[in-house]
Amino acid sequence: MEHASINVSTCRFCSHYDPQGRRGGECRQLGVPVKGYWRACPLAMAAFTADGPKPFPVSILPQARISTLPEPK
């Protein structure tokens, strides 16, 4: 997986960053506490990329029958 072309400047813009209160957050990739303003490491991945995880498929539910209500008088 090549991430060199993606420009993530700080931890807070990385998809692995999990904010924890006001004082920083945690890197889910490394499992360590980090500050959002720290320079991003080489493992950084932008939050919204084409290489990111694919969404789960949504199964189509059968359409429910809706009974018509009487018109108000």
PDB file of N, CA and C in Angstrom:
ATOM      1  N   MET A   1       0.838  -1.162   0.000  1.00  0.00           N
ATOM      2  CA  MET A   1       0.000   0.000   0.000  1.00  0.00           C
ATOM      3  C   MET A   1       0.888   1.232   0.000  1.00  0.00           C
ATOM      4  N   GLU A   2       0.758   2.071  -0.972  1.00  0.00           N
ATOM      5  CA  GLU A   2       1.611   3.246  -1.126  1.00  0.00           C
ATOM      6  C   GLU A   2       0.890   4.480  -0.604  1.00  0.00           C
ATOM      7  N   HIS A   3       1.488   5.168   0.375  1.00  0.00           N
ATOM      8  CA  HIS A   3       0.881   6.361   0.950  1.00  0.00           C
ATOM      9  C   HIS A   3       1.748   7.593   0.745  1.00  0.00           C
ATOM     10  N   ALA A   4       2.824   7.493   0.003  1.00  0.00           N
ATOM     11  CA  ALA A   4       3.761   8.605  -0.134  1.00  0.00           C
ATOM     12  C   ALA A   4       3.132   9.810  -0.830  1.00  0.00           C
ATOM     13  N   SER A   5       2.165   9.593  -1.722  1.00  0.00           N
ATOM     14  CA  SER A   5       1.579  10.704  -2.459  1.00  0.00           C
ATOM     15  C   SER A   5       0.506  11.448  -1.661  1.00  0.00           C
ATOM     16  N   ILE A   6       0.091  10.899  -0.545  1.00  0.00           N
ATOM     17  CA  ILE A   6      -0.950  11.518   0.264  1.00  0.00           C
ATOM     18  C   ILE A   6      -0.306  12.479   1.248  1.00  0.00           C
ATOM     19  N   ASN A   7      -0.796  13.719   1.294  1.00  0.00           N
ATOM     20  CA  ASN A   7      -0.209  14.726   2.162  1.00  0.00           C
ATOM     21  C   ASN A   7      -1.038  14.855   3.437  1.00  0.00           C
ATOM     22  N   VAL A   8      -0.612  14.182   4.492  1.00  0.00           N
ATOM     23  CA  VAL A   8      -1.210  14.321   5.810  1.00  0.00           C
ATOM     24  C   VAL A   8      -0.160  15.004   6.661  1.00  0.00           C
ATOM     25  N   SER A   9      -0.377  16.270   6.990  1.00  0.00           N
ATOM     26  CA  SER A   9       0.665  17.047   7.650  1.00  0.00           C
ATOM     27  C   SER A   9       0.763  16.796   9.146  1.00  0.00           C
ATOM     28  N   THR A  10      -0.359  16.600   9.818  1.00  0.00           N
ATOM     29  CA  THR A  10      -0.337  16.390  11.268  1.00  0.00           C
ATOM     30  C   THR A  10      -1.186  15.184  11.646  1.00  0.00           C
ATOM     31  N   CYS A  11      -1.008  14.730  12.872  1.00  0.00           N
ATOM     32  CA  CYS A  11      -1.742  13.554  13.352  1.00  0.00           C
ATOM     33  C   CYS A  11      -3.257  13.743  13.281  1.00  0.00           C
ATOM     34  N   ARG A  12      -3.748  14.954  13.547  1.00  0.00           N
ATOM     35  CA  ARG A  12      -5.199  15.152  13.603  1.00  0.00           C
ATOM     36  C   ARG A  12      -5.877  14.922  12.259  1.00  0.00           C
ATOM     37  N   PHE A  13      -5.134  14.967  11.154  1.00  0.00           N
ATOM     38  CA  PHE A  13      -5.712  14.739   9.834  1.00  0.00           C
ATOM     39  C   PHE A  13      -5.543  13.298   9.364  1.00  0.00           C
ATOM     40  N   CYS A  14      -4.989  12.452  10.205  1.00  0.00           N
ATOM     41  CA  CYS A  14      -4.758  11.045   9.861  1.00  0.00           C
ATOM     42  C   CYS A  14      -5.992  10.218  10.213  1.00  0.00           C
ATOM     43  N   SER A  15      -6.277   9.200   9.417  1.00  0.00           N
ATOM     44  CA  SER A  15      -7.438   8.349   9.692  1.00  0.00           C
ATOM     45  C   SER A  15      -7.221   7.456  10.908  1.00  0.00           C
ATOM     46  N   HIS A  16      -5.982   7.286  11.352  1.00  0.00           N
ATOM     47  CA  HIS A  16      -5.698   6.463  12.530  1.00  0.00           C
ATOM     48  C   HIS A  16      -5.815   7.253  13.831  1.00  0.00           C
ATOM     49  N   TYR A  17      -6.005   8.567  13.744  1.00  0.00           N
ATOM     50  CA  TYR A  17      -6.074   9.430  14.929  1.00  0.00           C
ATOM     51  C   TYR A  17      -7.453   9.337  15.566  1.00  0.00           C
ATOM     52  N   ASP A  18      -7.474   9.066  16.875  1.00  0.00           N
ATOM     53  CA  ASP A  18      -8.711   8.987  17.637  1.00  0.00           C
ATOM     54  C   ASP A  18      -8.657  10.044  18.731  1.00  0.00           C
ATOM     55  N   PRO A  19      -9.410  11.159  18.602  1.00  0.00           N
ATOM     56  CA  PRO A  19      -9.324  12.226  19.603  1.00  0.00           C
ATOM     57  C   PRO A  19      -9.809  11.753  20.968  1.00  0.00           C
ATOM     58  N   GLN A  20      -9.107  12.171  22.011  1.00  0.00           N
ATOM     59  CA  GLN A  20      -9.446  11.819  23.388  1.00  0.00           C
ATOM     60  C   GLN A  20      -9.515  13.100  24.205  1.00  0.00           C
ATOM     61  N   GLY A  21     -10.652  13.675  24.362  1.00  0.00           N
ATOM     62  CA  GLY A  21     -10.791  14.894  25.154  1.00  0.00           C
ATOM     63  C   GLY A  21     -10.146  16.093  24.489  1.00  0.00           C
ATOM     64  N   ARG A  22      -9.640  17.018  25.321  1.00  0.00           N
ATOM     65  CA  ARG A  22      -9.054  18.251  24.792  1.00  0.00           C
ATOM     66  C   ARG A  22      -7.548  18.185  24.643  1.00  0.00           C
ATOM     67  N   ARG A  23      -6.909  17.236  25.232  1.00  0.00           N
ATOM     68  CA  ARG A  23      -5.452  17.242  25.326  1.00  0.00           C
ATOM     69  C   ARG A  23      -4.734  16.398  24.277  1.00  0.00           C
ATOM     70  N   GLY A  24      -5.414  15.830  23.351  1.00  0.00           N
ATOM     71  CA  GLY A  24      -4.731  15.022  22.344  1.00  0.00           C
ATOM     72  C   GLY A  24      -5.585  13.856  21.911  1.00  0.00           C
ATOM     73  N   GLY A  25      -4.944  12.754  21.628  1.00  0.00           N
ATOM     74  CA  GLY A  25      -5.667  11.590  21.180  1.00  0.00           C
ATOM     75  C   GLY A  25      -4.789  10.363  21.190  1.00  0.00           C
ATOM     76  N   GLU A  26      -5.228   9.348  20.465  1.00  0.00           N
ATOM     77  CA  GLU A  26      -4.493   8.099  20.395  1.00  0.00           C
ATOM     78  C   GLU A  26      -4.334   7.693  18.944  1.00  0.00           C
ATOM     79  N   CYS A  27      -3.159   7.162  18.629  1.00  0.00           N
ATOM     80  CA  CYS A  27      -2.922   6.601  17.304  1.00  0.00           C
ATOM     81  C   CYS A  27      -3.365   5.147  17.350  1.00  0.00           C
ATOM     82  N   ARG A  28      -4.407   4.800  16.601  1.00  0.00           N
ATOM     83  CA  ARG A  28      -4.900   3.421  16.600  1.00  0.00           C
ATOM     84  C   ARG A  28      -3.944   2.486  15.877  1.00  0.00           C
ATOM     85  N   GLN A  29      -3.135   3.014  14.980  1.00  0.00           N
ATOM     86  CA  GLN A  29      -2.162   2.190  14.256  1.00  0.00           C
ATOM     87  C   GLN A  29      -1.025   1.755  15.175  1.00  0.00           C
ATOM     88  N   LEU A  30      -0.517   2.695  15.981  1.00  0.00           N
ATOM     89  CA  LEU A  30       0.618   2.405  16.857  1.00  0.00           C
ATOM     90  C   LEU A  30       0.197   2.073  18.281  1.00  0.00           C
ATOM     91  N   GLY A  31      -1.025   2.457  18.670  1.00  0.00           N
ATOM     92  CA  GLY A  31      -1.504   2.201  20.020  1.00  0.00           C
ATOM     93  C   GLY A  31      -0.827   3.057  21.072  1.00  0.00           C
ATOM     94  N   VAL A  32      -0.508   4.300  20.734  1.00  0.00           N
ATOM     95  CA  VAL A  32       0.187   5.201  21.658  1.00  0.00           C
ATOM     96  C   VAL A  32      -0.548   6.540  21.719  1.00  0.00           C
ATOM     97  N   PRO A  33      -0.417   7.269  22.854  1.00  0.00           N
ATOM     98  CA  PRO A  33      -0.997   8.611  22.916  1.00  0.00           C
ATOM     99  C   PRO A  33      -0.217   9.584  22.041  1.00  0.00           C
ATOM    100  N   VAL A  34      -0.925  10.477  21.360  1.00  0.00           N
ATOM    101  CA  VAL A  34      -0.299  11.475  20.486  1.00  0.00           C
ATOM    102  C   VAL A  34      -1.009  12.808  20.661  1.00  0.00           C
ATOM    103  N   LYS A  35      -0.382  13.864  20.208  1.00  0.00           N
ATOM    104  CA  LYS A  35      -0.990  15.194  20.163  1.00  0.00           C
ATOM    105  C   LYS A  35      -1.434  15.451  18.730  1.00  0.00           C
ATOM    106  N   GLY A  36      -2.563  16.094  18.553  1.00  0.00           N
ATOM    107  CA  GLY A  36      -3.090  16.353  17.220  1.00  0.00           C
ATOM    108  C   GLY A  36      -2.202  17.229  16.371  1.00  0.00           C
ATOM    109  N   TYR A  37      -1.418  18.102  17.002  1.00  0.00           N
ATOM    110  CA  TYR A  37      -0.571  19.030  16.245  1.00  0.00           C
ATOM    111  C   TYR A  37       0.792  18.436  15.886  1.00  0.00           C
ATOM    112  N   TRP A  38       1.094  17.229  16.343  1.00  0.00           N
ATOM    113  CA  TRP A  38       2.379  16.610  16.008  1.00  0.00           C
ATOM    114  C   TRP A  38       2.461  16.331  14.517  1.00  0.00           C
ATOM    115  N   ARG A  39       3.689  16.367  13.997  1.00  0.00           N
ATOM    116  CA  ARG A  39       3.918  16.033  12.592  1.00  0.00           C
ATOM    117  C   ARG A  39       3.548  14.565  12.371  1.00  0.00           C
ATOM    118  N   ALA A  40       2.874  14.284  11.291  1.00  0.00           N
ATOM    119  CA  ALA A  40       2.410  12.926  11.009  1.00  0.00           C
ATOM    120  C   ALA A  40       3.578  11.996  10.699  1.00  0.00           C
ATOM    121  N   CYS A  41       3.429  10.742  11.079  1.00  0.00           N
ATOM    122  CA  CYS A  41       4.465   9.739  10.838  1.00  0.00           C
ATOM    123  C   CYS A  41       4.319   9.160   9.425  1.00  0.00           C
ATOM    124  N   PRO A  42       5.258   8.323   8.979  1.00  0.00           N
ATOM    125  CA  PRO A  42       5.171   7.727   7.638  1.00  0.00           C
ATOM    126  C   PRO A  42       3.982   6.776   7.458  1.00  0.00           C
ATOM    127  N   LEU A  43       3.355   6.334   8.549  1.00  0.00           N
ATOM    128  CA  LEU A  43       2.203   5.438   8.451  1.00  0.00           C
ATOM    129  C   LEU A  43       0.888   6.191   8.276  1.00  0.00           C
ATOM    130  N   ALA A  44       0.950   7.520   8.247  1.00  0.00           N
ATOM    131  CA  ALA A  44      -0.263   8.338   8.164  1.00  0.00           C
ATOM    132  C   ALA A  44      -1.037   8.057   6.884  1.00  0.00           C
ATOM    133  N   MET A  45      -2.356   8.063   7.022  1.00  0.00           N
ATOM    134  CA  MET A  45      -3.237   7.850   5.884  1.00  0.00           C
ATOM    135  C   MET A  45      -4.362   8.875   5.980  1.00  0.00           C
ATOM    136  N   ALA A  46      -4.643   9.555   4.897  1.00  0.00           N
ATOM    137  CA  ALA A  46      -5.698  10.565   4.892  1.00  0.00           C
ATOM    138  C   ALA A  46      -7.031   9.929   5.266  1.00  0.00           C
ATOM    139  N   ALA A  47      -7.879  10.705   5.907  1.00  0.00           N
ATOM    140  CA  ALA A  47      -9.154  10.179   6.385  1.00  0.00           C
ATOM    141  C   ALA A  47     -10.065   9.722   5.247  1.00  0.00           C
ATOM    142  N   PHE A  48     -10.042  10.414   4.118  1.00  0.00           N
ATOM    143  CA  PHE A  48     -10.908  10.064   2.997  1.00  0.00           C
ATOM    144  C   PHE A  48     -10.062   9.855   1.757  1.00  0.00           C
ATOM    145  N   THR A  49      -9.738   8.598   1.465  1.00  0.00           N
ATOM    146  CA  THR A  49      -8.948   8.269   0.284  1.00  0.00           C
ATOM    147  C   THR A  49      -9.615   7.144  -0.489  1.00  0.00           C
ATOM    148  N   ALA A  50      -9.220   6.984  -1.725  1.00  0.00           N
ATOM    149  CA  ALA A  50      -9.734   5.878  -2.530  1.00  0.00           C
ATOM    150  C   ALA A  50      -9.186   4.547  -2.031  1.00  0.00           C
ATOM    151  N   ASP A  51      -8.012   4.564  -1.376  1.00  0.00           N
ATOM    152  CA  ASP A  51      -7.405   3.338  -0.875  1.00  0.00           C
ATOM    153  C   ASP A  51      -7.947   2.929   0.488  1.00  0.00           C
ATOM    154  N   GLY A  52      -8.789   3.744   1.070  1.00  0.00           N
ATOM    155  CA  GLY A  52      -9.304   3.489   2.412  1.00  0.00           C
ATOM    156  C   GLY A  52     -10.227   2.286   2.442  1.00  0.00           C
ATOM    157  N   PRO A  53     -10.706   1.957   3.619  1.00  0.00           N
ATOM    158  CA  PRO A  53     -11.598   0.811   3.738  1.00  0.00           C
ATOM    159  C   PRO A  53     -12.896   1.035   2.970  1.00  0.00           C
ATOM    160  N   LYS A  54     -13.390  -0.012   2.370  1.00  0.00           N
ATOM    161  CA  LYS A  54     -14.619   0.065   1.592  1.00  0.00           C
ATOM    162  C   LYS A  54     -15.818   0.006   2.537  1.00  0.00           C
ATOM    163  N   PRO A  55     -16.899   0.724   2.222  1.00  0.00           N
ATOM    164  CA  PRO A  55     -18.082   0.683   3.078  1.00  0.00           C
ATOM    165  C   PRO A  55     -18.752  -0.682   3.014  1.00  0.00           C
ATOM    166  N   PHE A  56     -19.444  -1.024   4.076  1.00  0.00           N
ATOM    167  CA  PHE A  56     -20.175  -2.282   4.098  1.00  0.00           C
ATOM    168  C   PHE A  56     -21.336  -2.200   3.123  1.00  0.00           C
ATOM    169  N   PRO A  57     -21.635  -3.311   2.420  1.00  0.00           N
ATOM    170  CA  PRO A  57     -22.773  -3.275   1.508  1.00  0.00           C
ATOM    171  C   PRO A  57     -24.075  -3.163   2.304  1.00  0.00           C
ATOM    172  N   VAL A  58     -24.987  -2.402   1.786  1.00  0.00           N
ATOM    173  CA  VAL A  58     -26.276  -2.225   2.440  1.00  0.00           C
ATOM    174  C   VAL A  58     -27.268  -3.144   1.758  1.00  0.00           C
ATOM    175  N   SER A  59     -27.861  -4.027   2.541  1.00  0.00           N
ATOM    176  CA  SER A  59     -28.851  -4.920   1.948  1.00  0.00           C
ATOM    177  C   SER A  59     -30.160  -4.153   1.785  1.00  0.00           C
ATOM    178  N   ILE A  60     -30.823  -4.404   0.703  1.00  0.00           N
ATOM    179  CA  ILE A  60     -32.068  -3.703   0.406  1.00  0.00           C
ATOM    180  C   ILE A  60     -33.203  -4.438   1.103  1.00  0.00           C
ATOM    181  N   LEU A  61     -33.908  -3.720   1.942  1.00  0.00           N
ATOM    182  CA  LEU A  61     -35.020  -4.300   2.677  1.00  0.00           C
ATOM    183  C   LEU A  61     -36.288  -4.201   1.846  1.00  0.00           C
ATOM    184  N   PRO A  62     -37.195  -5.172   2.016  1.00  0.00           N
ATOM    185  CA  PRO A  62     -38.449  -5.071   1.271  1.00  0.00           C
ATOM    186  C   PRO A  62     -39.224  -3.835   1.720  1.00  0.00           C
ATOM    187  N   GLN A  63     -39.878  -3.213   0.773  1.00  0.00           N
ATOM    188  CA  GLN A  63     -40.604  -1.987   1.078  1.00  0.00           C
ATOM    189  C   GLN A  63     -41.835  -2.319   1.914  1.00  0.00           C
ATOM    190  N   ALA A  64     -41.981  -1.624   3.023  1.00  0.00           N
ATOM    191  CA  ALA A  64     -43.128  -1.852   3.904  1.00  0.00           C
ATOM    192  C   ALA A  64     -44.380  -1.245   3.283  1.00  0.00           C
ATOM    193  N   ARG A  65     -45.489  -1.884   3.548  1.00  0.00           N
ATOM    194  CA  ARG A  65     -46.757  -1.349   3.049  1.00  0.00           C
ATOM    195  C   ARG A  65     -47.216  -0.247   3.994  1.00  0.00           C
ATOM    196  N   ILE A  66     -47.550   0.860   3.424  1.00  0.00           N
ATOM    197  CA  ILE A  66     -48.008   1.996   4.213  1.00  0.00           C
ATOM    198  C   ILE A  66     -49.495   2.170   3.956  1.00  0.00           C
ATOM    199  N   SER A  67     -50.264   2.055   5.036  1.00  0.00           N
ATOM    200  CA  SER A  67     -51.707   2.241   4.862  1.00  0.00           C
ATOM    201  C   SER A  67     -51.996   3.732   4.756  1.00  0.00           C
ATOM    202  N   THR A  68     -52.965   4.055   3.956  1.00  0.00           N
ATOM    203  CA  THR A  68     -53.305   5.464   3.778  1.00  0.00           C
ATOM    204  C   THR A  68     -54.189   5.915   4.928  1.00  0.00           C
ATOM    205  N   LEU A  69     -53.918   7.083   5.415  1.00  0.00           N
ATOM    206  CA  LEU A  69     -54.705   7.653   6.500  1.00  0.00           C
ATOM    207  C   LEU A  69     -55.882   8.420   5.914  1.00  0.00           C
ATOM    208  N   PRO A  70     -56.989   8.464   6.651  1.00  0.00           N
ATOM    209  CA  PRO A  70     -58.126   9.238   6.139  1.00  0.00           C
ATOM    210  C   PRO A  70     -57.792  10.727   6.123  1.00  0.00           C
ATOM    211  N   GLU A  71     -58.364  11.430   5.191  1.00  0.00           N
ATOM    212  CA  GLU A  71     -58.154  12.871   5.072  1.00  0.00           C
ATOM    213  C   GLU A  71     -58.764  13.572   6.278  1.00  0.00           C
ATOM    214  N   PRO A  72     -58.072  14.593   6.825  1.00  0.00           N
ATOM    215  CA  PRO A  72     -58.660  15.339   7.950  1.00  0.00           C
ATOM    216  C   PRO A  72     -59.885  16.135   7.496  1.00  0.00           C
ATOM    217  N   LYS A  73     -60.851  16.273   8.392  1.00  0.00           N
ATOM    218  CA  LYS A  73     -62.098  16.972   8.037  1.00  0.00           C
ATOM    219  C   LYS A  73     -62.045  18.403   8.426  1.00  0.00           C
TER     220      LYS A  73
END
